[in-house]
Amino acid sequence: MKSFLQLNTIFVSILIESMPFVLIGVFISGIIQMFVTEEMVKKWVPKNKVLAVLYSTMIGALFPACECGIVPITRRLVAKGVPLHAAVPFMLTGPIINPVVLFATYIAFGSNLKMLLYRSIFAVIVAVVIGLILSIQYYIS
C-alpha cells in the first residue's frame, strides 16, 4: 500500500509540474495556427534540405520549450508545411539546448563549461544526423 501511495504522489507531482509547459506549447501552437500561413513557412524554410536541417536545428536551439511543449508546436509547424526533415531537428534541439536548459546545465554541473559544451555539441550532432537521414528517406520515398 505504501508503494502505491508513493507512486500516486510521484505521478501527481509530475503531472502538476508538466502541465504549465504543455499549456504553453498548446498556446504557441494555437498562435502558429492563427497567424502563420503556409506561404510564410515556404519563405522561412530553405529549399535546400541540408540547409533546412541546419536552420531548423539552430532555431530549435533558441526556442525555450520543454519536451512536452515542443510536440504540439512541431505538429502544428508540420501541418503548416514544414518538411519532416526540418521539423524533427527542431523538435530534438528545442528541449535539449535552449538557453534556459543550458543555464540550468551550467549551474547543475558546478559552473562547468565543458559539460555545457558537450551537451550542446552532441545534441546538435544527433539532431543534424537524424534530420539528414530523414531528408534522404524523404528523397527515396
Protein backbone atom coordinates (compact mmCIF):
# COMPACT_ATOMS: atom_id res chain seq x y z
CA MET A 1 0.00 0.00 0.00
CA LYS A 2 2.86 2.38 0.82
CA SER A 3 4.37 1.82 -2.65
CA PHE A 4 1.06 2.68 -4.29
CA LEU A 5 0.83 5.93 -2.32
CA GLN A 6 4.39 6.85 -3.32
CA LEU A 7 3.61 6.06 -6.95
CA ASN A 8 0.47 8.16 -6.76
CA THR A 9 2.38 11.09 -5.19
CA ILE A 10 5.09 10.96 -7.84
CA PHE A 11 2.55 10.70 -10.65
CA VAL A 12 0.52 13.69 -9.44
CA SER A 13 3.63 15.80 -8.86
CA ILE A 14 4.95 15.10 -12.37
CA LEU A 15 1.53 15.87 -13.82
CA ILE A 16 1.32 19.18 -11.95
CA GLU A 17 4.89 20.10 -12.88
CA SER A 18 4.48 19.40 -16.62
CA MET A 19 1.01 20.89 -17.12
CA PRO A 20 2.13 24.54 -17.50
CA PHE A 21 4.65 23.56 -20.18
CA VAL A 22 2.08 21.56 -22.12
CA LEU A 23 -0.30 24.51 -21.95
CA ILE A 24 2.41 26.90 -23.17
CA GLY A 25 3.12 24.54 -26.08
CA VAL A 26 -0.55 24.33 -26.97
CA PHE A 27 -0.87 28.12 -26.71
CA ILE A 28 2.10 28.68 -29.06
CA SER A 29 0.68 26.04 -31.39
CA GLY A 30 -2.57 27.99 -31.47
CA ILE A 31 -0.70 31.21 -32.28
CA ILE A 32 1.05 29.41 -35.14
CA GLN A 33 -2.31 28.16 -36.40
CA MET A 34 -3.84 31.62 -36.33
CA PHE A 35 -1.00 33.84 -37.54
CA VAL A 36 1.46 31.74 -39.57
CA THR A 37 0.48 30.94 -43.14
CA GLU A 38 1.82 28.26 -45.44
CA GLU A 39 3.36 30.99 -47.59
CA MET A 40 5.30 32.33 -44.61
CA VAL A 41 6.63 28.84 -43.90
CA LYS A 42 7.74 28.46 -47.52
CA LYS A 43 9.68 31.72 -47.24
CA TRP A 44 11.33 30.83 -43.94
CA VAL A 45 12.40 27.23 -44.60
CA PRO A 46 15.28 26.87 -47.07
CA LYS A 47 14.62 24.75 -50.16
CA ASN A 48 17.98 23.00 -49.79
CA LYS A 49 17.43 20.03 -47.47
CA VAL A 50 20.80 20.29 -45.73
CA LEU A 51 20.31 24.00 -45.10
CA ALA A 52 16.75 23.31 -43.88
CA VAL A 53 18.09 20.77 -41.37
CA LEU A 54 20.81 23.14 -40.12
CA TYR A 55 18.41 26.09 -39.98
CA SER A 56 15.76 24.22 -38.01
CA THR A 57 18.39 22.82 -35.64
CA MET A 58 19.60 26.31 -34.81
CA ILE A 59 16.06 27.70 -34.46
CA GLY A 60 15.22 24.84 -32.09
CA ALA A 61 18.27 25.68 -30.01
CA LEU A 62 16.95 29.20 -29.49
CA PHE A 63 13.38 28.12 -28.72
CA PRO A 64 12.72 27.82 -24.97
CA ALA A 65 10.36 24.84 -24.78
CA CYS A 66 10.44 21.54 -22.94
CA GLU A 67 9.75 18.07 -24.34
CA CYS A 68 6.07 18.19 -23.54
CA GLY A 69 5.59 21.67 -25.00
CA ILE A 70 7.60 21.25 -28.22
CA VAL A 71 5.48 18.39 -29.59
CA PRO A 72 2.27 20.39 -30.25
CA ILE A 73 4.38 23.22 -31.70
CA THR A 74 6.20 20.86 -34.06
CA ARG A 75 2.97 19.15 -35.05
CA ARG A 76 1.44 22.50 -35.98
CA LEU A 77 4.54 23.50 -37.97
CA VAL A 78 4.35 20.24 -39.95
CA ALA A 79 0.66 20.89 -40.60
CA LYS A 80 1.64 24.33 -41.92
CA GLY A 81 4.09 22.83 -44.40
CA VAL A 82 7.41 22.47 -42.60
CA PRO A 83 9.03 19.34 -44.04
CA LEU A 84 9.60 16.46 -41.64
CA HIS A 85 13.37 16.58 -42.15
CA ALA A 86 13.32 20.15 -40.81
CA ALA A 87 10.69 19.68 -38.09
CA VAL A 88 12.35 16.77 -36.32
CA PRO A 89 15.71 18.50 -35.69
CA PHE A 90 13.75 21.50 -34.36
CA MET A 91 11.87 19.15 -32.04
CA LEU A 92 15.08 17.45 -30.92
CA THR A 93 17.13 20.56 -30.14
CA GLY A 94 14.38 22.70 -28.62
CA PRO A 95 14.15 20.92 -25.27
CA ILE A 96 17.82 19.91 -25.07
CA ILE A 97 19.80 23.05 -25.76
CA ASN A 98 17.59 26.08 -25.38
CA PRO A 99 19.00 28.96 -23.30
CA VAL A 100 17.07 28.06 -20.15
CA VAL A 101 18.25 24.43 -20.18
CA LEU A 102 21.83 25.42 -20.96
CA PHE A 103 21.89 27.76 -17.98
CA ALA A 104 20.43 25.04 -15.75
CA THR A 105 23.06 22.58 -17.02
CA TYR A 106 25.82 25.06 -16.34
CA ILE A 107 24.63 25.59 -12.76
CA ALA A 108 23.85 21.91 -12.11
CA PHE A 109 27.38 20.86 -13.03
CA GLY A 110 29.05 23.42 -10.79
CA SER A 111 29.60 26.10 -13.44
CA ASN A 112 31.39 23.57 -15.63
CA LEU A 113 31.53 25.00 -19.14
CA LYS A 114 32.77 21.69 -20.55
CA MET A 115 29.50 19.86 -19.73
CA LEU A 116 27.52 22.69 -21.29
CA LEU A 117 29.56 22.40 -24.49
CA TYR A 118 29.30 18.59 -24.58
CA ARG A 119 25.54 18.75 -24.21
CA SER A 120 25.22 21.38 -26.92
CA ILE A 121 27.59 19.79 -29.43
CA PHE A 122 26.24 16.26 -29.12
CA ALA A 123 22.61 17.43 -29.26
CA VAL A 124 23.32 19.36 -32.46
CA ILE A 125 25.15 16.39 -33.98
CA VAL A 126 22.30 14.00 -33.18
CA ALA A 127 19.63 16.41 -34.48
CA VAL A 128 21.51 17.11 -37.72
CA VAL A 129 22.25 13.43 -38.39
CA ILE A 130 18.62 12.44 -37.82
CA GLY A 131 17.42 15.33 -39.98
CA LEU A 132 19.77 14.31 -42.79
CA ILE A 133 18.64 10.68 -42.54
CA LEU A 134 15.03 11.85 -42.79
CA SER A 135 15.86 14.04 -45.79
CA ILE A 136 17.38 11.05 -47.56
CA GLN A 137 14.40 8.90 -46.61
CA TYR A 138 12.05 11.61 -47.90
CA TYR A 139 14.00 11.76 -51.16
CA ILE A 140 13.86 7.98 -51.69
CA SER A 141 10.15 7.51 -50.94
